[in-house]
Amino acid sequence: MPVTTEPDRIVLPGDDDLPDDIRAYWPEAVPALYVRGPFPTAQPAIAIIGTTAPSPIARSWAFACGREAVRSGWAVVSGMARGIDGAAHEGALAAGGVTIGVVANGLDSHYPPGRESLTQRVLERGGTIVSISPPGIEATHEGLLLRNQFTCAMSDIVLAVQSRGRGGTLAATRHAARQGKLIAAFAPPADGEREEWSGNELLLGEASPWRDRAITWRPACRLTDPAQLPELFAHFARQPSVDAPDRLFETRKPEQPRLLEERATYNGDE
């Protein structure tokens, strides 16, 4: 069955049923959201994000996290990109659950190309595609940054599976920090290339990864195995605000924390 490109709903920032977080962090540059499928979701949601070129173990972790989230009653939010995003969506679908794809392109196109099958399966299984752009608009650098902002606003927890120090994952988690979301990140595996996991090291460190006075930084919750997700969800249920979270997960300080600027470092590859 072909997927129609017409939205089921056009969502405006003044809509009565809009969740508070989406309303509060709605950027002026986006006049409306174009939605296929149910919106908003009634389930708690976790954003699972990361590089488009993950290591094999990171890809397997993303799939397992998508599956485990669904089994725990959570919806999975991600950006429909290759790599970590796609693996997370596939894990959620494999568990028979709901996944939400947030995209920068209009509903009449696909970015990256070749996502038609994933889009169709997300919708057929009760999920949702949310576009920040009207039909006829292709994904742009600025649009991907805005997509990241909505991905975080639609989620209760933001999980970075694998991230380099320069990329969209750090840009997205900056939005999550500004929004007061609970952030989690996987610890790099012992045999991982340091540069390939440098974004995770930054998120797990005591020093804020950004020069941003609007952010009160607390290190991300440190995960080492997708099986820890139910524990992370229990942590969120006890303390959904990051203003004063309890220290359930171990964090560690990077040897040389670096400061990154979102617009200067985002290269569109994650």
C-alpha atoms as a PDB file:
ATOM      1  CA  MET A   1       0.000   0.000   0.000  1.00  0.00           C
ATOM      2  CA  PRO A   2       1.653   3.286  -1.034  1.00  0.00           C
ATOM      3  CA  VAL A   3       2.085   5.961   1.605  1.00  0.00           C
ATOM      4  CA  THR A   4       0.120   9.134   0.891  1.00  0.00           C
ATOM      5  CA  THR A   5       2.059  12.373   1.066  1.00  0.00           C
ATOM      6  CA  GLU A   6      -0.901  14.340   2.443  1.00  0.00           C
ATOM      7  CA  PRO A   7      -0.776  15.066   6.188  1.00  0.00           C
ATOM      8  CA  ASP A   8      -3.463  13.657   8.431  1.00  0.00           C
ATOM      9  CA  ARG A   9      -3.135  16.803  10.494  1.00  0.00           C
ATOM     10  CA  ILE A  10      -1.410  20.163  10.400  1.00  0.00           C
ATOM     11  CA  VAL A  11      -0.346  21.030  13.947  1.00  0.00           C
ATOM     12  CA  LEU A  12      -0.086  24.672  15.000  1.00  0.00           C
ATOM     13  CA  PRO A  13       1.690  26.050  18.085  1.00  0.00           C
ATOM     14  CA  GLY A  14      -1.610  27.263  19.517  1.00  0.00           C
ATOM     15  CA  ASP A  15      -3.457  23.930  19.297  1.00  0.00           C
ATOM     16  CA  ASP A  16      -5.211  23.049  22.559  1.00  0.00           C
ATOM     17  CA  ASP A  17      -3.943  19.450  22.709  1.00  0.00           C
ATOM     18  CA  LEU A  18      -0.304  20.294  22.083  1.00  0.00           C
ATOM     19  CA  PRO A  19       1.952  18.892  24.831  1.00  0.00           C
ATOM     20  CA  ASP A  20       3.454  21.589  27.040  1.00  0.00           C
ATOM     21  CA  ASP A  21       7.076  20.808  26.147  1.00  0.00           C
ATOM     22  CA  ILE A  22       6.438  21.101  22.426  1.00  0.00           C
ATOM     23  CA  ARG A  23       4.577  24.375  22.916  1.00  0.00           C
ATOM     24  CA  ALA A  24       7.273  25.797  25.206  1.00  0.00           C
ATOM     25  CA  TYR A  25      10.162  24.996  22.863  1.00  0.00           C
ATOM     26  CA  TRP A  26       8.474  25.559  19.509  1.00  0.00           C
ATOM     27  CA  PRO A  27      10.896  27.636  17.380  1.00  0.00           C
ATOM     28  CA  GLU A  28       9.482  30.624  15.536  1.00  0.00           C
ATOM     29  CA  ALA A  29      11.132  29.430  12.318  1.00  0.00           C
ATOM     30  CA  VAL A  30       8.622  26.556  12.070  1.00  0.00           C
ATOM     31  CA  PRO A  31       5.064  27.779  11.390  1.00  0.00           C
ATOM     32  CA  ALA A  32       3.462  24.322  11.539  1.00  0.00           C
ATOM     33  CA  LEU A  33       4.061  20.586  11.819  1.00  0.00           C
ATOM     34  CA  TYR A  34       2.776  18.213   9.135  1.00  0.00           C
ATOM     35  CA  VAL A  35       1.802  14.886  10.654  1.00  0.00           C
ATOM     36  CA  ARG A  36       0.969  11.415   9.375  1.00  0.00           C
ATOM     37  CA  GLY A  37      -0.370   9.061  12.038  1.00  0.00           C
ATOM     38  CA  PRO A  38      -1.507   9.634  15.636  1.00  0.00           C
ATOM     39  CA  PHE A  39      -0.395  12.837  17.351  1.00  0.00           C
ATOM     40  CA  PRO A  40       0.399  13.443  20.144  1.00  0.00           C
ATOM     41  CA  THR A  41       1.292  10.054  21.557  1.00  0.00           C
ATOM     42  CA  ALA A  42      -0.140   9.090  24.943  1.00  0.00           C
ATOM     43  CA  GLN A  43       2.942   7.030  25.848  1.00  0.00           C
ATOM     44  CA  PRO A  44       6.143   8.228  27.460  1.00  0.00           C
ATOM     45  CA  ALA A  45       8.821   8.554  24.789  1.00  0.00           C
ATOM     46  CA  ILE A  46      12.585   8.145  24.517  1.00  0.00           C
ATOM     47  CA  ALA A  47      14.643   9.712  21.741  1.00  0.00           C
ATOM     48  CA  ILE A  48      17.371   7.322  20.581  1.00  0.00           C
ATOM     49  CA  ILE A  49      19.951   9.209  18.527  1.00  0.00           C
ATOM     50  CA  GLY A  50      23.487   8.952  17.212  1.00  0.00           C
ATOM     51  CA  THR A  51      25.824   8.829  14.259  1.00  0.00           C
ATOM     52  CA  THR A  52      24.838   7.764  10.746  1.00  0.00           C
ATOM     53  CA  ALA A  53      27.996   5.621  10.574  1.00  0.00           C
ATOM     54  CA  PRO A  54      27.969   3.605  13.805  1.00  0.00           C
ATOM     55  CA  SER A  55      30.215   0.775  14.852  1.00  0.00           C
ATOM     56  CA  PRO A  56      28.619  -2.701  14.753  1.00  0.00           C
ATOM     57  CA  ILE A  57      28.185  -2.757  18.535  1.00  0.00           C
ATOM     58  CA  ALA A  58      26.555   0.695  18.564  1.00  0.00           C
ATOM     59  CA  ARG A  59      24.143  -0.344  15.823  1.00  0.00           C
ATOM     60  CA  SER A  60      23.206  -3.452  17.799  1.00  0.00           C
ATOM     61  CA  TRP A  61      22.746  -1.361  20.957  1.00  0.00           C
ATOM     62  CA  ALA A  62      20.420   1.052  19.139  1.00  0.00           C
ATOM     63  CA  PHE A  63      18.278  -1.815  17.831  1.00  0.00           C
ATOM     64  CA  ALA A  64      18.174  -3.448  21.272  1.00  0.00           C
ATOM     65  CA  CYS A  65      17.274  -0.138  22.929  1.00  0.00           C
ATOM     66  CA  GLY A  66      14.398   0.418  20.503  1.00  0.00           C
ATOM     67  CA  ARG A  67      13.120  -3.072  21.230  1.00  0.00           C
ATOM     68  CA  GLU A  68      13.598  -2.784  24.997  1.00  0.00           C
ATOM     69  CA  ALA A  69      11.873   0.607  25.124  1.00  0.00           C
ATOM     70  CA  VAL A  70       8.775  -0.798  23.444  1.00  0.00           C
ATOM     71  CA  ARG A  71       8.739  -3.805  25.762  1.00  0.00           C
ATOM     72  CA  SER A  72       8.789  -1.357  28.668  1.00  0.00           C
ATOM     73  CA  GLY A  73       5.787   0.555  27.305  1.00  0.00           C
ATOM     74  CA  TRP A  74       7.681   3.489  25.814  1.00  0.00           C
ATOM     75  CA  ALA A  75       7.488   4.994  22.341  1.00  0.00           C
ATOM     76  CA  VAL A  76      10.730   5.491  20.389  1.00  0.00           C
ATOM     77  CA  VAL A  77      11.469   8.853  18.749  1.00  0.00           C
ATOM     78  CA  SER A  78      14.254   9.371  16.225  1.00  0.00           C
ATOM     79  CA  GLY A  79      15.119  11.150  12.997  1.00  0.00           C
ATOM     80  CA  MET A  80      14.678   8.448  10.300  1.00  0.00           C
ATOM     81  CA  ALA A  81      18.345   8.780   9.313  1.00  0.00           C
ATOM     82  CA  ARG A  82      20.668   5.900   8.517  1.00  0.00           C
ATOM     83  CA  GLY A  83      22.739   4.352  11.280  1.00  0.00           C
ATOM     84  CA  ILE A  84      21.575   4.760  14.878  1.00  0.00           C
ATOM     85  CA  ASP A  85      18.224   6.371  14.000  1.00  0.00           C
ATOM     86  CA  GLY A  86      17.228   3.617  11.615  1.00  0.00           C
ATOM     87  CA  ALA A  87      18.352   0.844  13.963  1.00  0.00           C
ATOM     88  CA  ALA A  88      16.299   2.335  16.808  1.00  0.00           C
ATOM     89  CA  HIS A  89      13.184   2.564  14.630  1.00  0.00           C
ATOM     90  CA  GLU A  90      13.721  -1.025  13.438  1.00  0.00           C
ATOM     91  CA  GLY A  91      14.103  -2.285  17.000  1.00  0.00           C
ATOM     92  CA  ALA A  92      10.825  -0.657  17.992  1.00  0.00           C
ATOM     93  CA  LEU A  93       9.051  -2.141  14.977  1.00  0.00           C
ATOM     94  CA  ALA A  94      10.508  -5.592  15.668  1.00  0.00           C
ATOM     95  CA  ALA A  95       8.944  -5.472  19.136  1.00  0.00           C
ATOM     96  CA  GLY A  96       5.576  -4.486  17.661  1.00  0.00           C
ATOM     97  CA  GLY A  97       5.600  -1.028  19.179  1.00  0.00           C
ATOM     98  CA  VAL A  98       5.115   2.605  18.292  1.00  0.00           C
ATOM     99  CA  THR A  99       7.913   4.670  16.822  1.00  0.00           C
ATOM    100  CA  ILE A 100       7.875   8.330  15.787  1.00  0.00           C
ATOM    101  CA  GLY A 101      10.022   9.689  12.973  1.00  0.00           C
ATOM    102  CA  VAL A 102      10.765  13.413  13.005  1.00  0.00           C
ATOM    103  CA  VAL A 103      11.996  14.723   9.657  1.00  0.00           C
ATOM    104  CA  ALA A 104      13.159  17.999   8.130  1.00  0.00           C
ATOM    105  CA  ASN A 105      11.874  17.285   4.604  1.00  0.00           C
ATOM    106  CA  GLY A 106       8.277  17.542   3.448  1.00  0.00           C
ATOM    107  CA  LEU A 107       6.100  14.438   3.544  1.00  0.00           C
ATOM    108  CA  ASP A 108       6.338  14.122  -0.244  1.00  0.00           C
ATOM    109  CA  SER A 109      10.052  13.330  -0.129  1.00  0.00           C
ATOM    110  CA  HIS A 110      12.481  11.184   1.844  1.00  0.00           C
ATOM    111  CA  TYR A 111      15.748  12.091   3.501  1.00  0.00           C
ATOM    112  CA  PRO A 112      18.018  10.311   3.220  1.00  0.00           C
ATOM    113  CA  PRO A 113      16.779   8.739  -0.037  1.00  0.00           C
ATOM    114  CA  GLY A 114      15.556   5.177   0.273  1.00  0.00           C
ATOM    115  CA  ARG A 115      13.495   5.585   3.464  1.00  0.00           C
ATOM    116  CA  GLU A 116      10.182   4.809   1.782  1.00  0.00           C
ATOM    117  CA  SER A 117       9.979   1.281   3.204  1.00  0.00           C
ATOM    118  CA  LEU A 118      10.754   2.378   6.758  1.00  0.00           C
ATOM    119  CA  THR A 119       8.245   5.231   6.527  1.00  0.00           C
ATOM    120  CA  GLN A 120       5.527   2.875   5.321  1.00  0.00           C
ATOM    121  CA  ARG A 121       6.181   0.313   8.053  1.00  0.00           C
ATOM    122  CA  VAL A 122       6.196   2.989  10.768  1.00  0.00           C
ATOM    123  CA  LEU A 123       2.757   4.175   9.648  1.00  0.00           C
ATOM    124  CA  GLU A 124       1.295   0.720   9.045  1.00  0.00           C
ATOM    125  CA  ARG A 125       2.140  -0.284  12.605  1.00  0.00           C
ATOM    126  CA  GLY A 126       0.507   2.707  14.239  1.00  0.00           C
ATOM    127  CA  GLY A 127       3.472   5.044  14.389  1.00  0.00           C
ATOM    128  CA  THR A 128       3.834   8.644  13.330  1.00  0.00           C
ATOM    129  CA  ILE A 129       5.873  10.747  10.916  1.00  0.00           C
ATOM    130  CA  VAL A 130       6.232  14.393  11.929  1.00  0.00           C
ATOM    131  CA  SER A 131       7.630  16.874   9.411  1.00  0.00           C
ATOM    132  CA  ILE A 132       8.699  20.418  10.217  1.00  0.00           C
ATOM    133  CA  SER A 133       8.300  21.388   6.533  1.00  0.00           C
ATOM    134  CA  PRO A 134       5.374  21.601   4.105  1.00  0.00           C
ATOM    135  CA  PRO A 135       5.312  19.349   1.015  1.00  0.00           C
ATOM    136  CA  GLY A 136       7.818  20.372  -1.636  1.00  0.00           C
ATOM    137  CA  ILE A 137      10.588  21.287   0.810  1.00  0.00           C
ATOM    138  CA  GLU A 138      13.810  19.277   0.922  1.00  0.00           C
ATOM    139  CA  ALA A 139      15.901  18.752   4.052  1.00  0.00           C
ATOM    140  CA  THR A 140      18.427  21.528   4.756  1.00  0.00           C
ATOM    141  CA  HIS A 141      21.181  22.137   7.306  1.00  0.00           C
ATOM    142  CA  GLU A 142      18.940  24.567   9.204  1.00  0.00           C
ATOM    143  CA  GLY A 143      15.978  22.224   8.956  1.00  0.00           C
ATOM    144  CA  LEU A 144      17.924  19.340  10.471  1.00  0.00           C
ATOM    145  CA  LEU A 145      18.852  21.514  13.442  1.00  0.00           C
ATOM    146  CA  LEU A 146      15.196  22.432  13.941  1.00  0.00           C
ATOM    147  CA  ARG A 147      14.237  18.762  13.546  1.00  0.00           C
ATOM    148  CA  ASN A 148      16.581  17.972  16.439  1.00  0.00           C
ATOM    149  CA  GLN A 149      14.799  20.496  18.634  1.00  0.00           C
ATOM    150  CA  PHE A 150      11.424  18.863  18.048  1.00  0.00           C
ATOM    151  CA  THR A 151      12.857  15.355  18.478  1.00  0.00           C
ATOM    152  CA  CYS A 152      13.915  16.305  21.994  1.00  0.00           C
ATOM    153  CA  ALA A 153      10.725  18.224  22.817  1.00  0.00           C
ATOM    154  CA  MET A 154       8.641  15.156  21.912  1.00  0.00           C
ATOM    155  CA  SER A 155      10.675  12.940  24.248  1.00  0.00           C
ATOM    156  CA  ASP A 156      11.002  12.473  27.987  1.00  0.00           C
ATOM    157  CA  ILE A 157      14.508  10.987  27.815  1.00  0.00           C
ATOM    158  CA  VAL A 158      17.215  11.547  25.187  1.00  0.00           C
ATOM    159  CA  LEU A 159      19.706   8.687  24.718  1.00  0.00           C
ATOM    160  CA  ALA A 160      22.922   9.136  22.735  1.00  0.00           C
ATOM    161  CA  VAL A 161      24.103   5.728  21.550  1.00  0.00           C
ATOM    162  CA  GLN A 162      27.264   6.747  19.683  1.00  0.00           C
ATOM    163  CA  SER A 163      28.400  10.259  18.867  1.00  0.00           C
ATOM    164  CA  ARG A 164      31.503  11.938  17.577  1.00  0.00           C
ATOM    165  CA  GLY A 165      32.484  15.249  19.106  1.00  0.00           C
ATOM    166  CA  ARG A 166      31.250  17.070  16.006  1.00  0.00           C
ATOM    167  CA  GLY A 167      27.807  16.206  14.770  1.00  0.00           C
ATOM    168  CA  GLY A 168      24.064  16.364  15.064  1.00  0.00           C
ATOM    169  CA  THR A 169      23.921  14.254  18.220  1.00  0.00           C
ATOM    170  CA  LEU A 170      25.712  16.932  20.241  1.00  0.00           C
ATOM    171  CA  ALA A 171      23.457  19.570  18.676  1.00  0.00           C
ATOM    172  CA  ALA A 172      20.375  17.556  19.673  1.00  0.00           C
ATOM    173  CA  THR A 173      21.528  16.920  23.226  1.00  0.00           C
ATOM    174  CA  ARG A 174      22.168  20.641  23.603  1.00  0.00           C
ATOM    175  CA  HIS A 175      18.466  21.175  22.918  1.00  0.00           C
ATOM    176  CA  ALA A 176      17.654  18.412  25.401  1.00  0.00           C
ATOM    177  CA  ALA A 177      19.763  20.097  28.073  1.00  0.00           C
ATOM    178  CA  ARG A 178      18.092  23.452  27.466  1.00  0.00           C
ATOM    179  CA  GLN A 179      14.701  21.743  27.730  1.00  0.00           C
ATOM    180  CA  GLY A 180      15.602  20.068  31.023  1.00  0.00           C
ATOM    181  CA  LYS A 181      15.350  16.547  29.627  1.00  0.00           C
ATOM    182  CA  LEU A 182      16.996  13.553  31.215  1.00  0.00           C
ATOM    183  CA  ILE A 183      20.020  12.702  29.047  1.00  0.00           C
ATOM    184  CA  ALA A 184      21.707   9.298  28.896  1.00  0.00           C
ATOM    185  CA  ALA A 185      24.695   8.069  26.909  1.00  0.00           C
ATOM    186  CA  PHE A 186      26.527   4.804  26.405  1.00  0.00           C
ATOM    187  CA  ALA A 187      30.027   4.522  27.759  1.00  0.00           C
ATOM    188  CA  PRO A 188      32.487   3.848  24.933  1.00  0.00           C
ATOM    189  CA  PRO A 189      33.426   0.170  24.680  1.00  0.00           C
ATOM    190  CA  ALA A 190      36.949  -0.744  25.751  1.00  0.00           C
ATOM    191  CA  ASP A 191      38.006  -1.457  22.167  1.00  0.00           C
ATOM    192  CA  GLY A 192      36.253   1.598  20.656  1.00  0.00           C
ATOM    193  CA  GLU A 193      38.157   4.233  18.683  1.00  0.00           C
ATOM    194  CA  ARG A 194      38.245   7.289  20.927  1.00  0.00           C
ATOM    195  CA  GLU A 195      37.363   9.799  18.209  1.00  0.00           C
ATOM    196  CA  GLU A 196      34.344   7.736  17.173  1.00  0.00           C
ATOM    197  CA  TRP A 197      32.958   8.011  20.726  1.00  0.00           C
ATOM    198  CA  SER A 198      34.218  11.460  21.696  1.00  0.00           C
ATOM    199  CA  GLY A 199      30.708  12.928  21.861  1.00  0.00           C
ATOM    200  CA  ASN A 200      29.709  10.307  24.416  1.00  0.00           C
ATOM    201  CA  GLU A 201      32.771  11.162  26.504  1.00  0.00           C
ATOM    202  CA  LEU A 202      31.702  14.810  26.507  1.00  0.00           C
ATOM    203  CA  LEU A 203      28.151  13.985  27.577  1.00  0.00           C
ATOM    204  CA  LEU A 204      29.391  11.770  30.403  1.00  0.00           C
ATOM    205  CA  GLY A 205      31.851  14.383  31.684  1.00  0.00           C
ATOM    206  CA  GLU A 206      31.463  16.839  34.530  1.00  0.00           C
ATOM    207  CA  ALA A 207      32.145  19.866  32.303  1.00  0.00           C
ATOM    208  CA  SER A 208      29.371  21.124  30.064  1.00  0.00           C
ATOM    209  CA  PRO A 209      30.035  20.358  26.374  1.00  0.00           C
ATOM    210  CA  TRP A 210      28.730  23.822  25.401  1.00  0.00           C
ATOM    211  CA  ARG A 211      29.378  27.484  26.160  1.00  0.00           C
ATOM    212  CA  ASP A 212      25.732  28.089  27.039  1.00  0.00           C
ATOM    213  CA  ARG A 213      24.706  29.939  30.186  1.00  0.00           C
ATOM    214  CA  ALA A 214      21.111  28.789  29.704  1.00  0.00           C
ATOM    215  CA  ILE A 215      22.178  25.223  30.549  1.00  0.00           C
ATOM    216  CA  THR A 216      22.648  23.944  34.076  1.00  0.00           C
ATOM    217  CA  TRP A 217      24.759  20.934  33.215  1.00  0.00           C
ATOM    218  CA  ARG A 218      24.596  17.561  34.900  1.00  0.00           C
ATOM    219  CA  PRO A 219      26.470  14.612  33.363  1.00  0.00           C
ATOM    220  CA  ALA A 220      24.447  12.161  31.308  1.00  0.00           C
ATOM    221  CA  CYS A 221      23.328   8.888  32.877  1.00  0.00           C
ATOM    222  CA  ARG A 222      25.976   6.325  31.961  1.00  0.00           C
ATOM    223  CA  LEU A 223      24.796   3.108  30.275  1.00  0.00           C
ATOM    224  CA  THR A 224      26.880   0.082  29.385  1.00  0.00           C
ATOM    225  CA  ASP A 225      24.176  -2.315  28.204  1.00  0.00           C
ATOM    226  CA  PRO A 226      20.716  -1.945  26.612  1.00  0.00           C
ATOM    227  CA  ALA A 227      19.381  -4.187  29.380  1.00  0.00           C
ATOM    228  CA  GLN A 228      19.738  -1.163  31.690  1.00  0.00           C
ATOM    229  CA  LEU A 229      16.893   0.681  29.978  1.00  0.00           C
ATOM    230  CA  PRO A 230      14.185  -0.457  32.443  1.00  0.00           C
ATOM    231  CA  GLU A 231      16.405   0.882  35.241  1.00  0.00           C
ATOM    232  CA  LEU A 232      16.722   4.188  33.385  1.00  0.00           C
ATOM    233  CA  PHE A 233      12.934   4.370  32.997  1.00  0.00           C
ATOM    234  CA  ALA A 234      12.504   3.688  36.714  1.00  0.00           C
ATOM    235  CA  HIS A 235      14.994   6.480  37.427  1.00  0.00           C
ATOM    236  CA  PHE A 236      12.931   8.847  35.278  1.00  0.00           C
ATOM    237  CA  ALA A 237       9.714   7.841  37.046  1.00  0.00           C
ATOM    238  CA  ARG A 238      11.261   8.677  40.421  1.00  0.00           C
ATOM    239  CA  GLN A 239      12.651  12.029  39.298  1.00  0.00           C
ATOM    240  CA  PRO A 240      11.517  13.222  35.838  1.00  0.00           C
ATOM    241  CA  SER A 241      13.105  16.644  36.352  1.00  0.00           C
ATOM    242  CA  VAL A 242      16.879  16.911  36.067  1.00  0.00           C
ATOM    243  CA  ASP A 243      16.963  19.799  38.552  1.00  0.00           C
ATOM    244  CA  ALA A 244      17.871  17.432  41.399  1.00  0.00           C
ATOM    245  CA  PRO A 245      18.187  13.862  40.108  1.00  0.00           C
ATOM    246  CA  ASP A 246      19.455  11.085  42.320  1.00  0.00           C
ATOM    247  CA  ARG A 247      22.768   9.514  41.334  1.00  0.00           C
ATOM    248  CA  LEU A 248      21.652   6.146  40.060  1.00  0.00           C
ATOM    249  CA  PHE A 249      24.141   5.818  37.243  1.00  0.00           C
ATOM    250  CA  GLU A 250      27.899   6.220  37.359  1.00  0.00           C
ATOM    251  CA  THR A 251      29.400   9.135  35.456  1.00  0.00           C
ATOM    252  CA  ARG A 252      33.001   9.762  34.604  1.00  0.00           C
ATOM    253  CA  LYS A 253      35.069  12.815  33.735  1.00  0.00           C
ATOM    254  CA  PRO A 254      36.785  13.042  30.334  1.00  0.00           C
ATOM    255  CA  GLU A 255      40.527  13.661  30.472  1.00  0.00           C
ATOM    256  CA  GLN A 256      40.349  16.778  28.310  1.00  0.00           C
ATOM    257  CA  PRO A 257      36.787  18.166  28.022  1.00  0.00           C
ATOM    258  CA  ARG A 258      36.257  20.281  24.942  1.00  0.00           C
ATOM    259  CA  LEU A 259      33.774  23.067  24.374  1.00  0.00           C
ATOM    260  CA  LEU A 260      31.673  22.925  21.260  1.00  0.00           C
ATOM    261  CA  GLU A 261      29.430  25.392  19.498  1.00  0.00           C
ATOM    262  CA  GLU A 262      26.344  23.931  17.829  1.00  0.00           C
ATOM    263  CA  ARG A 263      26.327  25.850  14.568  1.00  0.00           C
ATOM    264  CA  ALA A 264      30.084  25.731  14.162  1.00  0.00           C
ATOM    265  CA  THR A 265      30.367  21.991  14.679  1.00  0.00           C
ATOM    266  CA  TYR A 266      27.210  20.485  13.205  1.00  0.00           C
ATOM    267  CA  ASN A 267      28.125  18.971   9.850  1.00  0.00           C
ATOM    268  CA  GLY A 268      24.872  17.147   9.058  1.00  0.00           C
ATOM    269  CA  ASP A 269      26.457  13.701   9.273  1.00  0.00           C
ATOM    270  CA  GLU A 270      24.624  12.608  12.409  1.00  0.00           C
END
